[in-house]
Amino acid sequence: MIQRILLFTLVILGFSTLNSQEAKTISIGNQVWMSSNMDSIVVNSYCYVNDTNNCSKYGRLYNWETALIICPQGFHLPSDTEWAELIDTLGGPNVASQNLQKKESNGFNAVLAGNFNKGLDVFSFLDRNAYYWTSTAFNKKVAWFRQIGENQTNINRSTVDKEYFFSVRCLKDK
């Protein structure tokens, strides 16, 4: 209970910090996405290998529970369906990965921030893969995510334990 109250308090402080600056966004199809990964300092978030320089470049990594509430007011963690809409808008799953990584193509600028497995205390795949949470749970323990790889044209869709730490990209509320 105390940890949840502390998390909520820190997230509110993070919102205040983010709301005092205008969030940079990009429009892709009918959606408006933040143009960078979230980087709000809250409980249950990490910089890759705990190096704050990595947060500046890649954003922070969050567990699923935190990812659900970290987006600032007016934005939300996109669902699996909303990710599918983005992918379809960019030409489908077999080409969207490269389109999301190219800065000049649409402004999404997916950065390959890797992930963190807290249970094993292992950071992995920096500059090789980006892992993005969706708000869609598969069951009580597992949630859907999207994975973009350095040398892959497709975007993978899979499930993973909610205790992993992935990047968060927020979507503007409609």
Protein backbone atom coordinates (compact mmCIF):
# COMPACT_ATOMS: atom_id res chain seq x y z
CA MET A 1 0.00 0.00 0.00
CA ILE A 2 2.74 2.48 0.94
CA GLN A 3 4.68 1.70 -2.25
CA ARG A 4 1.55 2.30 -4.38
CA ILE A 5 0.89 5.66 -2.66
CA LEU A 6 4.54 6.66 -3.16
CA LEU A 7 4.40 5.61 -6.81
CA PHE A 8 1.20 7.63 -7.34
CA THR A 9 2.74 10.68 -5.65
CA LEU A 10 5.90 10.47 -7.75
CA VAL A 11 3.94 10.02 -10.95
CA ILE A 12 1.89 13.12 -10.15
CA LEU A 13 5.15 15.05 -9.62
CA GLY A 14 6.41 13.68 -12.94
CA PHE A 15 3.22 14.88 -14.65
CA SER A 16 3.70 18.36 -13.23
CA THR A 17 7.24 18.49 -14.59
CA LEU A 18 6.19 17.25 -18.02
CA ASN A 19 3.09 19.45 -18.21
CA SER A 20 5.17 22.57 -17.57
CA GLN A 21 6.88 21.85 -20.91
CA GLU A 22 4.98 21.26 -24.10
CA ALA A 23 5.19 17.63 -25.17
CA LYS A 24 6.59 17.27 -28.70
CA THR A 25 4.20 15.30 -30.87
CA ILE A 26 3.89 13.99 -34.40
CA SER A 27 0.77 13.11 -36.38
CA ILE A 28 0.70 9.78 -38.18
CA GLY A 29 -2.59 9.04 -39.88
CA ASN A 30 -5.38 9.80 -37.41
CA GLN A 31 -3.12 9.47 -34.37
CA VAL A 32 -0.94 11.95 -32.49
CA TRP A 33 2.09 10.34 -30.81
CA MET A 34 4.79 11.77 -28.59
CA SER A 35 7.93 12.04 -30.67
CA SER A 36 10.21 10.62 -27.96
CA ASN A 37 10.15 7.97 -25.26
CA MET A 38 8.99 8.89 -21.77
CA ASP A 39 11.74 9.99 -19.38
CA SER A 40 9.94 10.77 -16.12
CA ILE A 41 11.78 9.76 -12.97
CA VAL A 42 9.44 7.60 -10.89
CA VAL A 43 9.61 4.45 -8.79
CA ASN A 44 9.85 1.36 -11.02
CA SER A 45 11.81 3.07 -13.79
CA TYR A 46 15.42 2.74 -14.86
CA CYS A 47 17.99 4.24 -17.17
CA TYR A 48 19.77 1.56 -19.19
CA VAL A 49 22.60 0.19 -16.96
CA ASN A 50 21.60 2.94 -14.49
CA ASP A 51 23.43 5.57 -16.54
CA THR A 52 21.51 8.87 -16.73
CA ASN A 53 23.16 9.65 -20.09
CA ASN A 54 21.18 6.72 -21.48
CA CYS A 55 17.93 8.26 -20.21
CA SER A 56 18.73 11.46 -22.08
CA LYS A 57 19.18 9.55 -25.33
CA TYR A 58 16.70 6.65 -24.99
CA GLY A 59 14.20 7.59 -22.28
CA ARG A 60 13.55 5.48 -19.19
CA LEU A 61 12.44 1.85 -18.95
CA TYR A 62 9.23 1.13 -16.99
CA ASN A 63 7.45 -1.95 -15.72
CA TRP A 64 3.92 -2.44 -17.05
CA GLU A 65 2.07 -1.18 -13.97
CA THR A 66 4.02 2.07 -14.07
CA ALA A 67 3.70 2.33 -17.86
CA LEU A 68 -0.09 2.35 -17.47
CA ILE A 69 -0.03 5.58 -15.44
CA ILE A 70 3.11 7.44 -16.56
CA CYS A 71 1.75 9.30 -19.60
CA PRO A 72 0.91 12.95 -18.89
CA GLN A 73 -2.60 14.34 -18.80
CA GLY A 74 -4.16 14.24 -22.26
CA PHE A 75 -2.12 11.19 -23.28
CA HIS A 76 -2.27 7.47 -22.56
CA LEU A 77 -0.34 4.25 -23.02
CA PRO A 78 -1.56 2.96 -26.41
CA SER A 79 -3.44 -0.31 -26.62
CA ASP A 80 -2.38 -3.20 -28.81
CA THR A 81 -5.13 -2.15 -31.25
CA GLU A 82 -3.79 1.43 -31.38
CA TRP A 83 -0.31 0.09 -32.17
CA ALA A 84 -1.88 -2.02 -34.95
CA GLU A 85 -3.47 1.12 -36.41
CA LEU A 86 -0.08 2.88 -36.43
CA ILE A 87 1.55 -0.11 -38.12
CA ASP A 88 -1.20 -0.31 -40.76
CA THR A 89 -0.89 3.42 -41.45
CA LEU A 90 2.85 2.96 -42.09
CA GLY A 91 2.37 0.18 -44.62
CA GLY A 92 1.84 -2.89 -42.46
CA PRO A 93 3.97 -5.02 -40.14
CA ASN A 94 6.54 -5.93 -42.81
CA VAL A 95 7.71 -2.36 -43.46
CA ALA A 96 6.61 -0.28 -40.46
CA SER A 97 9.70 -1.07 -38.35
CA GLN A 98 12.08 0.73 -40.71
CA ASN A 99 9.62 3.61 -41.16
CA LEU A 100 9.43 4.15 -37.38
CA GLN A 101 13.22 4.23 -37.03
CA LYS A 102 13.89 6.77 -39.82
CA LYS A 103 13.96 10.27 -38.38
CA GLU A 104 13.22 11.93 -41.71
CA SER A 105 10.27 9.70 -42.67
CA ASN A 106 7.59 10.52 -40.09
CA GLY A 107 9.20 11.90 -36.92
CA PHE A 108 8.42 8.91 -34.68
CA ASN A 109 12.14 8.23 -34.25
CA ALA A 110 11.99 4.86 -32.51
CA VAL A 111 15.19 4.52 -30.48
CA LEU A 112 16.54 1.06 -29.72
CA ALA A 113 16.53 1.40 -25.93
CA GLY A 114 16.76 -2.30 -25.04
CA ASN A 115 15.08 -3.68 -21.92
CA PHE A 116 15.67 -4.59 -18.28
CA ASN A 117 14.86 -7.89 -16.57
CA LYS A 118 14.84 -6.93 -12.90
CA GLY A 119 14.47 -10.53 -11.71
CA LEU A 120 17.82 -11.40 -13.28
CA ASP A 121 19.24 -7.87 -12.89
CA VAL A 122 20.12 -7.87 -16.61
CA PHE A 123 19.93 -5.02 -19.11
CA SER A 124 20.01 -6.19 -22.72
CA PHE A 125 19.70 -5.24 -26.41
CA LEU A 126 20.66 -1.54 -26.27
CA ASP A 127 20.99 -0.21 -29.84
CA ARG A 128 19.64 -3.53 -31.13
CA ASN A 129 15.95 -3.59 -30.14
CA ALA A 130 13.20 -1.29 -28.93
CA TYR A 131 10.47 -2.77 -26.73
CA TYR A 132 7.26 -0.77 -26.27
CA TRP A 133 4.54 -1.59 -23.77
CA THR A 134 0.90 -1.64 -24.81
CA SER A 135 -1.91 -1.11 -22.31
CA THR A 136 -3.40 -4.47 -23.29
CA ALA A 137 -3.05 -7.26 -20.74
CA PHE A 138 -3.01 -10.85 -21.94
CA ASN A 139 -3.78 -12.13 -18.44
CA LYS A 140 -3.01 -11.18 -14.81
CA LYS A 141 0.73 -11.77 -15.19
CA VAL A 142 1.48 -11.01 -18.87
CA ALA A 143 0.90 -8.07 -21.25
CA TRP A 144 1.30 -7.41 -24.97
CA PHE A 145 4.27 -5.42 -26.28
CA ARG A 146 5.74 -4.39 -29.64
CA GLN A 147 9.38 -4.98 -30.56
CA ILE A 148 11.34 -3.13 -33.23
CA GLY A 149 14.77 -4.44 -34.21
CA GLU A 150 17.84 -2.84 -35.72
CA ASN A 151 17.98 -5.00 -38.83
CA GLN A 152 14.38 -6.11 -39.15
CA THR A 153 11.69 -4.74 -41.41
CA ASN A 154 8.81 -6.12 -39.36
CA ILE A 155 7.45 -5.19 -35.94
CA ASN A 156 7.03 -8.15 -33.64
CA ARG A 157 4.00 -8.52 -31.40
CA SER A 158 4.32 -10.73 -28.34
CA THR A 159 3.60 -11.08 -24.63
CA VAL A 160 5.92 -10.90 -21.64
CA ASP A 161 5.78 -10.82 -17.86
CA LYS A 162 4.58 -7.42 -16.64
CA GLU A 163 7.68 -7.10 -14.43
CA TYR A 164 10.00 -6.52 -17.40
CA PHE A 165 11.04 -2.92 -18.03
CA PHE A 166 10.36 -1.48 -21.50
CA SER A 167 10.07 1.92 -23.16
CA VAL A 168 6.84 3.93 -23.17
CA ARG A 169 5.60 6.01 -26.08
CA CYS A 170 2.40 7.92 -25.29
CA LEU A 171 -0.56 8.55 -27.59
CA LYS A 172 -2.76 11.65 -27.43
CA ASP A 173 -6.30 11.06 -26.19
CA LYS A 174 -9.03 11.52 -28.82
